[in-house]
Amino acid sequence: MSNVAIYPGTFDPVTNGHIDIIKRAKKIFDKVVVAVALSKDKNPMFTLEQRVEFLKDSVKDICGIEVESFDSLLVDFAEEKGIKTIIRGLRAVSDFEYELQMGYANNFLNREIDTVYLMPSLKNAFISSSVVRAILKHKGDPSSLLPETVREKIKCM
């Protein structure tokens, strides 16, 4: 059995910080399933289909990465895929409390689930999808925060 992990998120949109975490995870795991959550309650700026397309384009040159969408409890999706390790990114101390709570909740729901926390490089530590959305909303230029393929697609929208 190969060493597989799941990296879940809304990815609204995918940022260089997300790609950084994906590349770090791929150094540890044979395969990483990037799981794009529907997240209707977050009222995403981009559709699920757009977010999946952005990710697929952004990781197409990284071997061993799959992109899928889901609309269920993460632990149920992970169990369906036979995956027992969840990857989560930590940018700052403020992320830690929330991510730790989610890791404990996921383990409570499925005792076989473990969470691995990875930090992005310092140059990507401040990047979040919400920062990118705010810049886009106010007609700013977030291009240096986004993978090239995503920059090009957003410009055309």
C-alpha atoms as a PDB file:
ATOM      1  CA  MET A   1       0.000   0.000   0.000  1.00  0.00           C
ATOM      2  CA  SER A   2       1.379   3.404  -0.942  1.00  0.00           C
ATOM      3  CA  ASN A   3       1.796   6.314   1.411  1.00  0.00           C
ATOM      4  CA  VAL A   4      -1.170   8.625   0.643  1.00  0.00           C
ATOM      5  CA  ALA A   5      -2.454  11.813   2.260  1.00  0.00           C
ATOM      6  CA  ILE A   6      -5.356  14.141   1.655  1.00  0.00           C
ATOM      7  CA  TYR A   7      -5.007  17.936   1.609  1.00  0.00           C
ATOM      8  CA  PRO A   8      -8.488  19.450   1.972  1.00  0.00           C
ATOM      9  CA  GLY A   9      -9.634  23.007   1.595  1.00  0.00           C
ATOM     10  CA  THR A  10     -11.912  25.430  -0.152  1.00  0.00           C
ATOM     11  CA  PHE A  11      -9.058  26.782  -2.304  1.00  0.00           C
ATOM     12  CA  ASP A  12     -11.028  29.920  -3.169  1.00  0.00           C
ATOM     13  CA  PRO A  13      -8.753  30.504  -5.053  1.00  0.00           C
ATOM     14  CA  VAL A  14      -5.669  28.317  -4.841  1.00  0.00           C
ATOM     15  CA  THR A  15      -2.640  30.417  -3.865  1.00  0.00           C
ATOM     16  CA  ASN A  16       1.128  30.032  -3.961  1.00  0.00           C
ATOM     17  CA  GLY A  17       0.859  29.158  -0.262  1.00  0.00           C
ATOM     18  CA  HIS A  18      -1.353  26.161  -1.087  1.00  0.00           C
ATOM     19  CA  ILE A  19       1.036  25.037  -3.821  1.00  0.00           C
ATOM     20  CA  ASP A  20       3.918  25.341  -1.348  1.00  0.00           C
ATOM     21  CA  ILE A  21       2.104  23.002   1.085  1.00  0.00           C
ATOM     22  CA  ILE A  22       1.274  20.561  -1.736  1.00  0.00           C
ATOM     23  CA  LYS A  23       4.939  20.392  -2.783  1.00  0.00           C
ATOM     24  CA  ARG A  24       6.056  19.890   0.835  1.00  0.00           C
ATOM     25  CA  ALA A  25       3.460  17.149   1.336  1.00  0.00           C
ATOM     26  CA  LYS A  26       4.591  15.418  -1.854  1.00  0.00           C
ATOM     27  CA  LYS A  27       8.111  15.142  -0.421  1.00  0.00           C
ATOM     28  CA  ILE A  28       6.659  13.082   2.438  1.00  0.00           C
ATOM     29  CA  PHE A  29       3.867  11.139   0.720  1.00  0.00           C
ATOM     30  CA  ASP A  30       3.827   9.067  -2.468  1.00  0.00           C
ATOM     31  CA  LYS A  31       0.477  10.546  -3.449  1.00  0.00           C
ATOM     32  CA  VAL A  32      -1.493  13.574  -2.286  1.00  0.00           C
ATOM     33  CA  VAL A  33      -5.193  13.940  -3.001  1.00  0.00           C
ATOM     34  CA  VAL A  34      -6.088  17.620  -3.008  1.00  0.00           C
ATOM     35  CA  ALA A  35      -9.735  17.657  -1.925  1.00  0.00           C
ATOM     36  CA  VAL A  36     -11.717  20.745  -2.875  1.00  0.00           C
ATOM     37  CA  ALA A  37     -14.665  21.301  -0.547  1.00  0.00           C
ATOM     38  CA  LEU A  38     -17.939  22.613  -1.951  1.00  0.00           C
ATOM     39  CA  SER A  39     -18.258  24.884   1.143  1.00  0.00           C
ATOM     40  CA  LYS A  40     -21.569  26.571   0.294  1.00  0.00           C
ATOM     41  CA  ASP A  41     -21.638  28.076   3.795  1.00  0.00           C
ATOM     42  CA  LYS A  42     -18.447  30.040   3.009  1.00  0.00           C
ATOM     43  CA  ASN A  43     -20.095  31.570  -0.077  1.00  0.00           C
ATOM     44  CA  PRO A  44     -17.037  31.083  -2.327  1.00  0.00           C
ATOM     45  CA  MET A  45     -16.086  33.701  -4.916  1.00  0.00           C
ATOM     46  CA  PHE A  46     -15.340  30.973  -7.478  1.00  0.00           C
ATOM     47  CA  THR A  47     -17.487  27.985  -8.390  1.00  0.00           C
ATOM     48  CA  LEU A  48     -16.468  24.489  -7.352  1.00  0.00           C
ATOM     49  CA  GLU A  49     -15.708  23.700 -10.988  1.00  0.00           C
ATOM     50  CA  GLN A  50     -13.472  26.770 -11.335  1.00  0.00           C
ATOM     51  CA  ARG A  51     -11.608  25.958  -8.120  1.00  0.00           C
ATOM     52  CA  VAL A  52     -11.004  22.370  -9.239  1.00  0.00           C
ATOM     53  CA  GLU A  53      -9.838  23.594 -12.663  1.00  0.00           C
ATOM     54  CA  PHE A  54      -7.493  26.167 -11.059  1.00  0.00           C
ATOM     55  CA  LEU A  55      -5.946  23.439  -8.925  1.00  0.00           C
ATOM     56  CA  LYS A  56      -5.624  20.891 -11.710  1.00  0.00           C
ATOM     57  CA  ASP A  57      -3.859  23.457 -13.879  1.00  0.00           C
ATOM     58  CA  SER A  58      -1.603  24.502 -10.987  1.00  0.00           C
ATOM     59  CA  VAL A  59      -0.417  20.979 -10.093  1.00  0.00           C
ATOM     60  CA  LYS A  60      -0.349  19.363 -13.539  1.00  0.00           C
ATOM     61  CA  ASP A  61       3.457  19.186 -13.507  1.00  0.00           C
ATOM     62  CA  ILE A  62       3.705  17.658 -10.025  1.00  0.00           C
ATOM     63  CA  CYS A  63       3.696  13.873 -10.232  1.00  0.00           C
ATOM     64  CA  GLY A  64       1.502  12.048  -7.718  1.00  0.00           C
ATOM     65  CA  ILE A  65      -1.084  14.765  -7.154  1.00  0.00           C
ATOM     66  CA  GLU A  66      -4.788  14.175  -7.738  1.00  0.00           C
ATOM     67  CA  VAL A  67      -7.493  16.828  -7.450  1.00  0.00           C
ATOM     68  CA  GLU A  68     -11.051  15.881  -6.491  1.00  0.00           C
ATOM     69  CA  SER A  69     -14.064  17.675  -5.079  1.00  0.00           C
ATOM     70  CA  PHE A  70     -16.219  16.618  -2.154  1.00  0.00           C
ATOM     71  CA  ASP A  71     -19.362  17.673  -0.296  1.00  0.00           C
ATOM     72  CA  SER A  72     -19.365  15.587   2.867  1.00  0.00           C
ATOM     73  CA  LEU A  73     -17.560  15.283   6.149  1.00  0.00           C
ATOM     74  CA  LEU A  74     -13.849  15.176   5.421  1.00  0.00           C
ATOM     75  CA  VAL A  75     -13.413  11.968   7.421  1.00  0.00           C
ATOM     76  CA  ASP A  76     -16.120  10.288   5.343  1.00  0.00           C
ATOM     77  CA  PHE A  77     -14.421  11.374   2.109  1.00  0.00           C
ATOM     78  CA  ALA A  78     -11.056  10.186   3.432  1.00  0.00           C
ATOM     79  CA  GLU A  79     -12.530   6.827   4.456  1.00  0.00           C
ATOM     80  CA  GLU A  80     -14.166   6.455   1.030  1.00  0.00           C
ATOM     81  CA  LYS A  81     -10.720   6.982  -0.530  1.00  0.00           C
ATOM     82  CA  GLY A  82      -8.945   4.727   1.992  1.00  0.00           C
ATOM     83  CA  ILE A  83      -6.804   7.635   3.222  1.00  0.00           C
ATOM     84  CA  LYS A  84      -5.814   7.899   6.866  1.00  0.00           C
ATOM     85  CA  THR A  85      -3.658  11.054   6.892  1.00  0.00           C
ATOM     86  CA  ILE A  86      -4.867  14.636   6.524  1.00  0.00           C
ATOM     87  CA  ILE A  87      -2.492  17.465   5.646  1.00  0.00           C
ATOM     88  CA  ARG A  88      -3.181  20.932   7.016  1.00  0.00           C
ATOM     89  CA  GLY A  89      -1.179  24.102   6.525  1.00  0.00           C
ATOM     90  CA  LEU A  90      -0.205  26.420   9.361  1.00  0.00           C
ATOM     91  CA  ARG A  91       0.770  29.972   8.467  1.00  0.00           C
ATOM     92  CA  ALA A  92       0.760  31.579  11.893  1.00  0.00           C
ATOM     93  CA  VAL A  93       0.089  30.842  15.539  1.00  0.00           C
ATOM     94  CA  SER A  94      -3.462  32.097  14.980  1.00  0.00           C
ATOM     95  CA  ASP A  95      -4.099  29.117  12.649  1.00  0.00           C
ATOM     96  CA  PHE A  96      -2.891  26.614  15.214  1.00  0.00           C
ATOM     97  CA  GLU A  97      -5.815  26.634  17.654  1.00  0.00           C
ATOM     98  CA  TYR A  98      -8.426  26.178  14.906  1.00  0.00           C
ATOM     99  CA  GLU A  99      -6.421  23.517  13.061  1.00  0.00           C
ATOM    100  CA  LEU A 100      -5.686  21.610  16.272  1.00  0.00           C
ATOM    101  CA  GLN A 101      -9.393  21.621  17.147  1.00  0.00           C
ATOM    102  CA  MET A 102     -10.289  20.334  13.653  1.00  0.00           C
ATOM    103  CA  GLY A 103      -7.589  17.648  13.885  1.00  0.00           C
ATOM    104  CA  TYR A 104      -8.999  16.443  17.211  1.00  0.00           C
ATOM    105  CA  ALA A 105     -12.555  16.521  15.847  1.00  0.00           C
ATOM    106  CA  ASN A 106     -11.572  14.475  12.795  1.00  0.00           C
ATOM    107  CA  ASN A 107      -9.764  11.954  14.994  1.00  0.00           C
ATOM    108  CA  PHE A 108     -12.807  11.766  17.275  1.00  0.00           C
ATOM    109  CA  LEU A 109     -15.014  10.985  14.260  1.00  0.00           C
ATOM    110  CA  ASN A 110     -12.552   8.414  12.918  1.00  0.00           C
ATOM    111  CA  ARG A 111      -9.852   7.110  15.269  1.00  0.00           C
ATOM    112  CA  GLU A 112      -7.722   5.963  12.312  1.00  0.00           C
ATOM    113  CA  ILE A 113      -7.334   9.525  10.996  1.00  0.00           C
ATOM    114  CA  ASP A 114      -4.151  11.432  11.794  1.00  0.00           C
ATOM    115  CA  THR A 115      -3.392  15.035  10.891  1.00  0.00           C
ATOM    116  CA  VAL A 116       0.022  16.281   9.781  1.00  0.00           C
ATOM    117  CA  TYR A 117       0.639  20.026   9.979  1.00  0.00           C
ATOM    118  CA  LEU A 118       2.990  21.666   7.477  1.00  0.00           C
ATOM    119  CA  MET A 119       4.203  25.246   7.309  1.00  0.00           C
ATOM    120  CA  PRO A 120       4.723  27.096   4.044  1.00  0.00           C
ATOM    121  CA  SER A 121       8.011  28.832   3.345  1.00  0.00           C
ATOM    122  CA  LEU A 122       8.384  32.258   4.917  1.00  0.00           C
ATOM    123  CA  LYS A 123       7.733  34.046   1.610  1.00  0.00           C
ATOM    124  CA  ASN A 124       4.286  32.368   1.436  1.00  0.00           C
ATOM    125  CA  ALA A 125       3.408  32.521   5.134  1.00  0.00           C
ATOM    126  CA  PHE A 126       1.142  35.572   4.863  1.00  0.00           C
ATOM    127  CA  ILE A 127      -0.797  34.431   1.792  1.00  0.00           C
ATOM    128  CA  SER A 128      -4.396  33.350   2.263  1.00  0.00           C
ATOM    129  CA  SER A 129      -7.317  32.972  -0.104  1.00  0.00           C
ATOM    130  CA  SER A 130      -9.224  35.605   1.874  1.00  0.00           C
ATOM    131  CA  VAL A 131      -6.404  38.138   1.300  1.00  0.00           C
ATOM    132  CA  VAL A 132      -6.486  37.335  -2.436  1.00  0.00           C
ATOM    133  CA  ARG A 133     -10.293  37.664  -2.559  1.00  0.00           C
ATOM    134  CA  ALA A 134     -10.120  41.053  -0.798  1.00  0.00           C
ATOM    135  CA  ILE A 135      -7.522  42.277  -3.293  1.00  0.00           C
ATOM    136  CA  LEU A 136      -9.644  41.032  -6.212  1.00  0.00           C
ATOM    137  CA  LYS A 137     -12.826  42.573  -4.776  1.00  0.00           C
ATOM    138  CA  HIS A 138     -11.150  45.973  -4.645  1.00  0.00           C
ATOM    139  CA  LYS A 139      -9.687  45.637  -8.162  1.00  0.00           C
ATOM    140  CA  GLY A 140      -6.123  45.175  -6.891  1.00  0.00           C
ATOM    141  CA  ASP A 141      -3.461  42.945  -8.413  1.00  0.00           C
ATOM    142  CA  PRO A 142      -2.844  39.710  -6.466  1.00  0.00           C
ATOM    143  CA  SER A 143      -0.831  38.148  -9.302  1.00  0.00           C
ATOM    144  CA  SER A 144       2.337  37.561  -7.265  1.00  0.00           C
ATOM    145  CA  LEU A 145       0.278  35.532  -4.755  1.00  0.00           C
ATOM    146  CA  LEU A 146      -1.194  33.141  -7.335  1.00  0.00           C
ATOM    147  CA  PRO A 147       0.122  30.339  -9.534  1.00  0.00           C
ATOM    148  CA  GLU A 148       0.666  31.588 -13.100  1.00  0.00           C
ATOM    149  CA  THR A 149      -2.163  29.504 -14.586  1.00  0.00           C
ATOM    150  CA  VAL A 150      -4.621  30.920 -12.042  1.00  0.00           C
ATOM    151  CA  ARG A 151      -3.444  34.497 -12.702  1.00  0.00           C
ATOM    152  CA  GLU A 152      -4.144  34.043 -16.405  1.00  0.00           C
ATOM    153  CA  LYS A 153      -7.598  32.520 -15.856  1.00  0.00           C
ATOM    154  CA  ILE A 154      -8.670  35.222 -13.399  1.00  0.00           C
ATOM    155  CA  LYS A 155      -7.501  37.977 -15.766  1.00  0.00           C
ATOM    156  CA  CYS A 156      -9.847  36.572 -18.405  1.00  0.00           C
ATOM    157  CA  MET A 157     -12.897  36.633 -16.096  1.00  0.00           C
END
